[in-house]
Amino acid sequence: METYLDFSIGSLLKFEEPNLNTNSDIFDFSFGTAAIICTVVIPLTYSIFLWKNKDQMDDKMFKQKWGSLYANIKIFTLDQRVTAIKILSWFLFRRLLTALNLVELRDQTVWI
């Protein structure tokens, strides 16, 4: 989650001026395409996984294995778990929107 914004920006920059002249360029573009797919799929998978396991999130064994996905968040009640999943999903979606804004609107800076 920490590097999600960096990963998203780097992936989106691959599509600015695709250069497909050499095999290396084609590989680089293919890797960028896979990275873009990952930036969309990872938050969805993350949200679905936590939503399906929301009843187990406070379980000790589940926390040991998957607790880093929702570390330092109160999940004692079912309402807190649902809220945590929504907040974490929104956090990743917001990071993706920030990356899109930084890449696509970087030449249109307006000072207020």
C-alpha atoms as a PDB file:
ATOM      1  CA  MET A   1       0.000   0.000   0.000  1.00  0.00           C
ATOM      2  CA  GLU A   2       2.885   2.336   0.685  1.00  0.00           C
ATOM      3  CA  THR A   3       4.220   2.300  -2.874  1.00  0.00           C
ATOM      4  CA  TYR A   4       0.859   2.092  -4.626  1.00  0.00           C
ATOM      5  CA  LEU A   5       0.958   5.751  -5.686  1.00  0.00           C
ATOM      6  CA  ASP A   6       4.507   5.459  -7.034  1.00  0.00           C
ATOM      7  CA  PHE A   7       3.652   2.255  -8.872  1.00  0.00           C
ATOM      8  CA  SER A   8       0.525   3.823 -10.387  1.00  0.00           C
ATOM      9  CA  ILE A   9       2.335   6.941 -11.596  1.00  0.00           C
ATOM     10  CA  GLY A  10       5.161   4.933 -13.135  1.00  0.00           C
ATOM     11  CA  SER A  11       2.712   2.647 -14.896  1.00  0.00           C
ATOM     12  CA  LEU A  12       0.628   5.498 -16.253  1.00  0.00           C
ATOM     13  CA  LEU A  13       3.691   7.306 -17.599  1.00  0.00           C
ATOM     14  CA  LYS A  14       4.399   4.325 -19.883  1.00  0.00           C
ATOM     15  CA  PHE A  15       1.322   5.232 -21.918  1.00  0.00           C
ATOM     16  CA  GLU A  16       2.170   8.883 -22.532  1.00  0.00           C
ATOM     17  CA  GLU A  17       4.342   8.264 -25.583  1.00  0.00           C
ATOM     18  CA  PRO A  18       4.476   4.556 -26.375  1.00  0.00           C
ATOM     19  CA  ASN A  19       7.589   3.736 -28.355  1.00  0.00           C
ATOM     20  CA  LEU A  20       7.364   0.336 -30.049  1.00  0.00           C
ATOM     21  CA  ASN A  21      10.475   0.348 -32.261  1.00  0.00           C
ATOM     22  CA  THR A  22      12.598  -2.372 -30.637  1.00  0.00           C
ATOM     23  CA  ASN A  23      11.909  -5.589 -28.787  1.00  0.00           C
ATOM     24  CA  SER A  24      12.963  -3.853 -25.578  1.00  0.00           C
ATOM     25  CA  ASP A  25      10.362  -1.126 -26.164  1.00  0.00           C
ATOM     26  CA  ILE A  26       7.670  -3.730 -26.790  1.00  0.00           C
ATOM     27  CA  PHE A  27       8.617  -5.566 -23.599  1.00  0.00           C
ATOM     28  CA  ASP A  28       8.611  -2.314 -21.642  1.00  0.00           C
ATOM     29  CA  PHE A  29       5.177  -1.382 -22.985  1.00  0.00           C
ATOM     30  CA  SER A  30       3.849  -4.888 -22.207  1.00  0.00           C
ATOM     31  CA  PHE A  31       5.185  -4.635 -18.673  1.00  0.00           C
ATOM     32  CA  GLY A  32       3.547  -1.221 -18.312  1.00  0.00           C
ATOM     33  CA  THR A  33       0.247  -2.648 -19.515  1.00  0.00           C
ATOM     34  CA  ALA A  34       0.452  -5.456 -16.956  1.00  0.00           C
ATOM     35  CA  ALA A  35       1.271  -2.887 -14.273  1.00  0.00           C
ATOM     36  CA  ILE A  36      -1.782  -0.773 -15.172  1.00  0.00           C
ATOM     37  CA  ILE A  37      -3.975  -3.851 -14.933  1.00  0.00           C
ATOM     38  CA  CYS A  38      -2.469  -4.595 -11.500  1.00  0.00           C
ATOM     39  CA  THR A  39      -3.159  -1.064 -10.252  1.00  0.00           C
ATOM     40  CA  VAL A  40      -6.842  -1.615 -10.945  1.00  0.00           C
ATOM     41  CA  VAL A  41      -7.107  -5.277  -9.946  1.00  0.00           C
ATOM     42  CA  ILE A  42      -5.181  -5.098  -6.657  1.00  0.00           C
ATOM     43  CA  PRO A  43      -7.584  -2.711  -4.861  1.00  0.00           C
ATOM     44  CA  LEU A  44     -10.601  -4.677  -6.106  1.00  0.00           C
ATOM     45  CA  THR A  45      -9.114  -7.987  -5.002  1.00  0.00           C
ATOM     46  CA  TYR A  46      -8.082  -6.469  -1.695  1.00  0.00           C
ATOM     47  CA  SER A  47     -11.583  -5.148  -1.014  1.00  0.00           C
ATOM     48  CA  ILE A  48     -13.335  -8.359  -2.065  1.00  0.00           C
ATOM     49  CA  PHE A  49     -10.979 -10.501   0.016  1.00  0.00           C
ATOM     50  CA  LEU A  50     -11.516  -8.434   3.153  1.00  0.00           C
ATOM     51  CA  TRP A  51     -15.274  -8.216   2.558  1.00  0.00           C
ATOM     52  CA  LYS A  52     -15.565 -12.006   2.281  1.00  0.00           C
ATOM     53  CA  ASN A  53     -13.513 -12.465   5.449  1.00  0.00           C
ATOM     54  CA  LYS A  54     -14.918  -9.605   7.522  1.00  0.00           C
ATOM     55  CA  ASP A  55     -16.142 -12.037  10.190  1.00  0.00           C
ATOM     56  CA  GLN A  56     -12.640 -13.467  10.625  1.00  0.00           C
ATOM     57  CA  MET A  57     -10.716 -10.183  10.704  1.00  0.00           C
ATOM     58  CA  ASP A  58     -10.518 -10.199  14.510  1.00  0.00           C
ATOM     59  CA  ASP A  59      -9.435 -13.870  14.628  1.00  0.00           C
ATOM     60  CA  LYS A  60      -5.863 -14.369  15.877  1.00  0.00           C
ATOM     61  CA  MET A  61      -4.776 -16.776  13.107  1.00  0.00           C
ATOM     62  CA  PHE A  62      -6.280 -14.590  10.376  1.00  0.00           C
ATOM     63  CA  LYS A  63      -4.590 -11.516  11.869  1.00  0.00           C
ATOM     64  CA  GLN A  64      -1.206 -13.230  11.879  1.00  0.00           C
ATOM     65  CA  LYS A  65      -1.509 -14.096   8.210  1.00  0.00           C
ATOM     66  CA  TRP A  66      -3.366 -11.086   6.775  1.00  0.00           C
ATOM     67  CA  GLY A  67      -3.225  -8.461   9.527  1.00  0.00           C
ATOM     68  CA  SER A  68      -0.788  -6.247   7.641  1.00  0.00           C
ATOM     69  CA  LEU A  69      -3.605  -5.407   5.211  1.00  0.00           C
ATOM     70  CA  TYR A  70      -5.476  -3.567   7.945  1.00  0.00           C
ATOM     71  CA  ALA A  71      -2.832  -2.831  10.571  1.00  0.00           C
ATOM     72  CA  ASN A  72      -3.549  -0.221  13.281  1.00  0.00           C
ATOM     73  CA  ILE A  73      -7.270  -0.077  12.553  1.00  0.00           C
ATOM     74  CA  LYS A  74      -9.909  -0.860  15.177  1.00  0.00           C
ATOM     75  CA  ILE A  75     -11.887  -3.918  14.097  1.00  0.00           C
ATOM     76  CA  PHE A  76     -13.529  -5.099  17.318  1.00  0.00           C
ATOM     77  CA  THR A  77     -17.122  -4.981  16.066  1.00  0.00           C
ATOM     78  CA  LEU A  78     -18.672  -5.864  12.724  1.00  0.00           C
ATOM     79  CA  ASP A  79     -19.504  -2.203  12.070  1.00  0.00           C
ATOM     80  CA  GLN A  80     -15.867  -1.248  12.620  1.00  0.00           C
ATOM     81  CA  ARG A  81     -14.738  -3.987  10.211  1.00  0.00           C
ATOM     82  CA  VAL A  82     -17.117  -2.844   7.498  1.00  0.00           C
ATOM     83  CA  THR A  83     -16.028   0.758   7.988  1.00  0.00           C
ATOM     84  CA  ALA A  84     -12.354  -0.267   7.869  1.00  0.00           C
ATOM     85  CA  ILE A  85     -12.862  -2.097   4.568  1.00  0.00           C
ATOM     86  CA  LYS A  86     -14.623   0.924   3.074  1.00  0.00           C
ATOM     87  CA  ILE A  87     -11.933   3.331   4.270  1.00  0.00           C
ATOM     88  CA  LEU A  88      -9.062   1.182   3.020  1.00  0.00           C
ATOM     89  CA  SER A  89     -10.749   0.670  -0.352  1.00  0.00           C
ATOM     90  CA  TRP A  90     -11.407   4.385  -0.677  1.00  0.00           C
ATOM     91  CA  PHE A  91      -7.785   5.112   0.270  1.00  0.00           C
ATOM     92  CA  LEU A  92      -6.462   2.977  -2.603  1.00  0.00           C
ATOM     93  CA  PHE A  93      -9.018   4.354  -5.068  1.00  0.00           C
ATOM     94  CA  ARG A  94      -8.080   7.897  -4.065  1.00  0.00           C
ATOM     95  CA  ARG A  95      -4.418   7.093  -4.651  1.00  0.00           C
ATOM     96  CA  LEU A  96      -5.266   5.861  -8.145  1.00  0.00           C
ATOM     97  CA  LEU A  97      -7.188   9.066  -8.873  1.00  0.00           C
ATOM     98  CA  THR A  98      -4.254  11.114  -7.593  1.00  0.00           C
ATOM     99  CA  ALA A  99      -1.908   9.242  -9.924  1.00  0.00           C
ATOM    100  CA  LEU A 100      -4.255   9.848 -12.866  1.00  0.00           C
ATOM    101  CA  ASN A 101      -4.416  13.554 -12.043  1.00  0.00           C
ATOM    102  CA  LEU A 102      -0.653  13.875 -11.651  1.00  0.00           C
ATOM    103  CA  VAL A 103       0.060  12.197 -14.974  1.00  0.00           C
ATOM    104  CA  GLU A 104      -2.744  13.497 -17.152  1.00  0.00           C
ATOM    105  CA  LEU A 105      -2.986  17.049 -15.828  1.00  0.00           C
ATOM    106  CA  ARG A 106       0.677  17.770 -15.109  1.00  0.00           C
ATOM    107  CA  ASP A 107       0.926  20.335 -17.939  1.00  0.00           C
ATOM    108  CA  GLN A 108      -2.226  22.160 -16.885  1.00  0.00           C
ATOM    109  CA  THR A 109      -1.196  23.517 -13.506  1.00  0.00           C
ATOM    110  CA  VAL A 110      -3.281  26.465 -12.411  1.00  0.00           C
ATOM    111  CA  TRP A 111      -2.141  28.684  -9.551  1.00  0.00           C
ATOM    112  CA  ILE A 112      -4.945  30.204  -7.537  1.00  0.00           C
END
